[in-house]
C-alpha cells in the first residue's frame, strides 16, 4: 500500500511518499501554496501519478492535546481533498514534527537557506513515518 504524507502550511505543503510496502517514508517535494483549490488539484495529480492508496495529513495539536491554531484550516483542507479523491484521507498528530525536522537538518549540517527549502518535506516524512510505524505496531 502506498501512502502520501502532507505537512500542511499556509505558504507551503511538505509532501512525503512511502515505498510500495508502506514501510518507509521518503521526501517527495514541496508545493508552494497557490490557494486551496490549486493545491488540492496538484495533490490529486500526485496521488494519481504515484498510485497513492491513502493520504495522511499532519494535524496541529498543542502539547496538552487540544487543537492547534491552524486546525480549522487543516480540517477544511482535508474535507476538500476527500471530496476530490476516492481514497481515505486521515489526519495524524504532527506535534513537534517541524522542531524534529529542524533539529535533524541542523545536525546534518544543512545550511539555513537550504533548510528553509526542505524543512516542510522533512516534517512530512516524520509525520508519515510516525504514522507507518504506528500502523505496523497495531497490526502485530
Foldseek 3Di string as FASTA:
>chain_A
DKEWFWEDDPQKIWIWIAPPVLQAIDGDFMDGDPDLVVVLVVVVVVCVVVVHQEYEYEFEADPVGHGDDCRVVVVVSLVVNVVVDPHYYYYFHLPCLLVVLVVVCVVVVPDPVVCVRCSNNSSRRVRSNVVSVVVVVVVD
